[in-house]
């Protein structure tokens, strides 16, 4: 029983530790590992362990610059979608959807919108 609990705890602790990207300097002489947090026009923010570093995009290799810009756009879009979903949920219709649930296996679990809905399906049923 103790072994199962320790394995579960270790698995949960390691779940957030995905493989970090290996970044290369512009001249190719240095590398480091870290996770992209955000990327702007001239700067990039990378998470190194528990610390975050922001530095000039020009310090990275061309390949890393290109990748960071592409991924930065995806990260910004995801953040924008979260903001739209939050604004939607603060509206009247969104408040009515606060108690959403989804089917997970054989049971219903609480569900929170991650994106603002773009389409709605309205189902109406009446009996005579």
C-alpha atoms as a PDB file:
ATOM      1  CA  UNK A   1       0.000   0.000   0.000  1.00  0.00           C
ATOM      2  CA  UNK A   2       2.806   2.437   0.918  1.00  0.00           C
ATOM      3  CA  UNK A   3       4.591   1.642  -2.325  1.00  0.00           C
ATOM      4  CA  UNK A   4       1.470   2.502  -4.340  1.00  0.00           C
ATOM      5  CA  UNK A   5       0.999   5.806  -2.507  1.00  0.00           C
ATOM      6  CA  UNK A   6       4.653   6.782  -2.964  1.00  0.00           C
ATOM      7  CA  UNK A   7       4.536   5.881  -6.655  1.00  0.00           C
ATOM      8  CA  UNK A   8       1.393   7.964  -7.128  1.00  0.00           C
ATOM      9  CA  UNK A   9       2.892  10.969  -5.343  1.00  0.00           C
ATOM     10  CA  UNK A  10       6.119  10.726  -7.347  1.00  0.00           C
ATOM     11  CA  UNK A  11       4.163  10.466 -10.598  1.00  0.00           C
ATOM     12  CA  UNK A  12       2.111  13.547  -9.770  1.00  0.00           C
ATOM     13  CA  UNK A  13       5.218  15.516  -8.861  1.00  0.00           C
ATOM     14  CA  UNK A  14       6.939  14.590 -12.109  1.00  0.00           C
ATOM     15  CA  UNK A  15       3.861  15.199 -14.286  1.00  0.00           C
ATOM     16  CA  UNK A  16       4.673  18.887 -14.681  1.00  0.00           C
ATOM     17  CA  UNK A  17       8.302  18.233 -15.545  1.00  0.00           C
ATOM     18  CA  UNK A  18       8.137  17.826 -19.288  1.00  0.00           C
ATOM     19  CA  UNK A  19      11.232  17.891 -21.441  1.00  0.00           C
ATOM     20  CA  UNK A  20      12.715  21.369 -21.633  1.00  0.00           C
ATOM     21  CA  UNK A  21      13.907  22.773 -24.939  1.00  0.00           C
ATOM     22  CA  UNK A  22      17.625  23.057 -25.525  1.00  0.00           C
ATOM     23  CA  UNK A  23      18.359  26.637 -26.570  1.00  0.00           C
ATOM     24  CA  UNK A  24      21.489  27.672 -28.471  1.00  0.00           C
ATOM     25  CA  UNK A  25      23.229  31.042 -28.418  1.00  0.00           C
ATOM     26  CA  UNK A  26      23.481  33.128 -31.600  1.00  0.00           C
ATOM     27  CA  UNK A  27      27.127  32.185 -32.125  1.00  0.00           C
ATOM     28  CA  UNK A  28      26.448  28.503 -31.296  1.00  0.00           C
ATOM     29  CA  UNK A  29      29.007  28.377 -28.481  1.00  0.00           C
ATOM     30  CA  UNK A  30      26.589  27.967 -25.548  1.00  0.00           C
ATOM     31  CA  UNK A  31      23.417  26.001 -24.844  1.00  0.00           C
ATOM     32  CA  UNK A  32      20.942  25.843 -21.978  1.00  0.00           C
ATOM     33  CA  UNK A  33      17.663  24.107 -21.243  1.00  0.00           C
ATOM     34  CA  UNK A  34      14.445  25.906 -20.439  1.00  0.00           C
ATOM     35  CA  UNK A  35      10.748  26.264 -21.235  1.00  0.00           C
ATOM     36  CA  UNK A  36       9.369  29.136 -23.299  1.00  0.00           C
ATOM     37  CA  UNK A  37       7.048  31.411 -21.316  1.00  0.00           C
ATOM     38  CA  UNK A  38       6.502  34.192 -23.853  1.00  0.00           C
ATOM     39  CA  UNK A  39       8.077  35.833 -26.865  1.00  0.00           C
ATOM     40  CA  UNK A  40       7.716  39.426 -28.007  1.00  0.00           C
ATOM     41  CA  UNK A  41       9.145  41.267 -30.999  1.00  0.00           C
ATOM     42  CA  UNK A  42      12.578  41.775 -29.424  1.00  0.00           C
ATOM     43  CA  UNK A  43      12.616  39.733 -26.241  1.00  0.00           C
ATOM     44  CA  UNK A  44      11.965  36.220 -25.023  1.00  0.00           C
ATOM     45  CA  UNK A  45      11.110  34.906 -21.557  1.00  0.00           C
ATOM     46  CA  UNK A  46      12.304  31.426 -20.650  1.00  0.00           C
ATOM     47  CA  UNK A  47      11.680  29.463 -17.459  1.00  0.00           C
ATOM     48  CA  UNK A  48      14.827  27.892 -16.066  1.00  0.00           C
ATOM     49  CA  UNK A  49      13.799  25.624 -13.203  1.00  0.00           C
ATOM     50  CA  UNK A  50      11.897  27.914 -10.852  1.00  0.00           C
ATOM     51  CA  UNK A  51      13.390  31.149 -12.230  1.00  0.00           C
ATOM     52  CA  UNK A  52      12.289  33.111 -15.285  1.00  0.00           C
ATOM     53  CA  UNK A  53      14.740  35.013 -17.459  1.00  0.00           C
ATOM     54  CA  UNK A  54      13.906  37.661 -20.043  1.00  0.00           C
ATOM     55  CA  UNK A  55      16.547  38.538 -22.604  1.00  0.00           C
ATOM     56  CA  UNK A  56      17.008  39.827 -26.141  1.00  0.00           C
ATOM     57  CA  UNK A  57      15.807  37.530 -28.887  1.00  0.00           C
ATOM     58  CA  UNK A  58      18.966  38.374 -30.850  1.00  0.00           C
ATOM     59  CA  UNK A  59      21.042  36.366 -28.346  1.00  0.00           C
ATOM     60  CA  UNK A  60      19.510  33.119 -29.667  1.00  0.00           C
ATOM     61  CA  UNK A  61      20.296  31.162 -32.815  1.00  0.00           C
ATOM     62  CA  UNK A  62      18.161  31.863 -35.893  1.00  0.00           C
ATOM     63  CA  UNK A  63      16.423  28.493 -35.525  1.00  0.00           C
ATOM     64  CA  UNK A  64      15.553  29.214 -31.884  1.00  0.00           C
ATOM     65  CA  UNK A  65      14.370  32.730 -32.765  1.00  0.00           C
ATOM     66  CA  UNK A  66      12.042  31.379 -35.428  1.00  0.00           C
ATOM     67  CA  UNK A  67      10.695  28.651 -33.129  1.00  0.00           C
ATOM     68  CA  UNK A  68      10.217  31.089 -30.216  1.00  0.00           C
ATOM     69  CA  UNK A  69       8.281  33.540 -32.411  1.00  0.00           C
ATOM     70  CA  UNK A  70       5.999  30.789 -33.745  1.00  0.00           C
ATOM     71  CA  UNK A  71       5.353  29.345 -30.292  1.00  0.00           C
ATOM     72  CA  UNK A  72       4.976  32.831 -28.796  1.00  0.00           C
ATOM     73  CA  UNK A  73       2.078  33.486 -31.174  1.00  0.00           C
ATOM     74  CA  UNK A  74       0.431  30.236 -30.040  1.00  0.00           C
ATOM     75  CA  UNK A  75       0.925  31.111 -26.362  1.00  0.00           C
ATOM     76  CA  UNK A  76      -0.507  34.619 -26.879  1.00  0.00           C
ATOM     77  CA  UNK A  77      -3.537  33.180 -28.714  1.00  0.00           C
ATOM     78  CA  UNK A  78      -4.146  30.687 -25.913  1.00  0.00           C
ATOM     79  CA  UNK A  79      -3.997  33.481 -23.326  1.00  0.00           C
ATOM     80  CA  UNK A  80      -6.394  35.589 -25.400  1.00  0.00           C
ATOM     81  CA  UNK A  81      -8.815  32.666 -25.607  1.00  0.00           C
ATOM     82  CA  UNK A  82      -8.690  32.297 -21.828  1.00  0.00           C
ATOM     83  CA  UNK A  83      -9.483  36.000 -21.417  1.00  0.00           C
ATOM     84  CA  UNK A  84     -12.391  35.747 -23.878  1.00  0.00           C
ATOM     85  CA  UNK A  85     -13.715  32.705 -22.033  1.00  0.00           C
ATOM     86  CA  UNK A  86     -13.476  34.558 -18.710  1.00  0.00           C
ATOM     87  CA  UNK A  87     -15.350  37.559 -20.152  1.00  0.00           C
ATOM     88  CA  UNK A  88     -17.980  35.269 -21.640  1.00  0.00           C
ATOM     89  CA  UNK A  89     -18.449  33.475 -18.313  1.00  0.00           C
ATOM     90  CA  UNK A  90     -19.021  36.849 -16.575  1.00  0.00           C
ATOM     91  CA  UNK A  91     -21.978  37.590 -18.886  1.00  0.00           C
ATOM     92  CA  UNK A  92     -25.564  36.476 -18.254  1.00  0.00           C
ATOM     93  CA  UNK A  93     -25.391  33.446 -20.532  1.00  0.00           C
ATOM     94  CA  UNK A  94     -21.995  32.478 -19.171  1.00  0.00           C
ATOM     95  CA  UNK A  95     -23.279  32.585 -15.601  1.00  0.00           C
ATOM     96  CA  UNK A  96     -25.970  30.124 -16.613  1.00  0.00           C
ATOM     97  CA  UNK A  97     -23.231  27.787 -17.827  1.00  0.00           C
ATOM     98  CA  UNK A  98     -21.218  27.858 -14.590  1.00  0.00           C
ATOM     99  CA  UNK A  99     -22.401  24.376 -13.734  1.00  0.00           C
ATOM    100  CA  UNK A 100     -21.239  22.652 -16.895  1.00  0.00           C
ATOM    101  CA  UNK A 101     -20.340  18.999 -16.684  1.00  0.00           C
ATOM    102  CA  UNK A 102     -18.781  16.582 -19.110  1.00  0.00           C
ATOM    103  CA  UNK A 103     -18.814  12.828 -19.336  1.00  0.00           C
ATOM    104  CA  UNK A 104     -15.496  11.370 -18.196  1.00  0.00           C
ATOM    105  CA  UNK A 105     -15.595   7.629 -18.630  1.00  0.00           C
ATOM    106  CA  UNK A 106     -18.809   6.588 -16.932  1.00  0.00           C
ATOM    107  CA  UNK A 107     -19.224   9.575 -14.618  1.00  0.00           C
ATOM    108  CA  UNK A 108     -19.992  13.255 -15.042  1.00  0.00           C
ATOM    109  CA  UNK A 109     -17.354  15.673 -13.779  1.00  0.00           C
ATOM    110  CA  UNK A 110     -17.385  19.468 -13.444  1.00  0.00           C
ATOM    111  CA  UNK A 111     -16.099  21.271 -16.525  1.00  0.00           C
ATOM    112  CA  UNK A 112     -14.890  24.836 -16.979  1.00  0.00           C
ATOM    113  CA  UNK A 113     -14.750  26.467 -20.398  1.00  0.00           C
ATOM    114  CA  UNK A 114     -11.223  27.031 -21.668  1.00  0.00           C
ATOM    115  CA  UNK A 115     -12.259  28.956 -24.778  1.00  0.00           C
ATOM    116  CA  UNK A 116     -15.190  31.237 -25.483  1.00  0.00           C
ATOM    117  CA  UNK A 117     -17.729  29.283 -27.544  1.00  0.00           C
ATOM    118  CA  UNK A 118     -17.956  30.265 -31.190  1.00  0.00           C
ATOM    119  CA  UNK A 119     -21.083  28.252 -31.974  1.00  0.00           C
ATOM    120  CA  UNK A 120     -24.032  27.087 -29.944  1.00  0.00           C
ATOM    121  CA  UNK A 121     -26.311  24.141 -30.446  1.00  0.00           C
ATOM    122  CA  UNK A 122     -29.830  24.690 -29.240  1.00  0.00           C
ATOM    123  CA  UNK A 123     -31.939  21.630 -28.633  1.00  0.00           C
ATOM    124  CA  UNK A 124     -35.624  22.016 -28.018  1.00  0.00           C
ATOM    125  CA  UNK A 125     -37.955  19.184 -27.226  1.00  0.00           C
ATOM    126  CA  UNK A 126     -41.654  19.292 -26.512  1.00  0.00           C
ATOM    127  CA  UNK A 127     -44.172  16.613 -25.900  1.00  0.00           C
ATOM    128  CA  UNK A 128     -47.838  16.804 -26.850  1.00  0.00           C
END
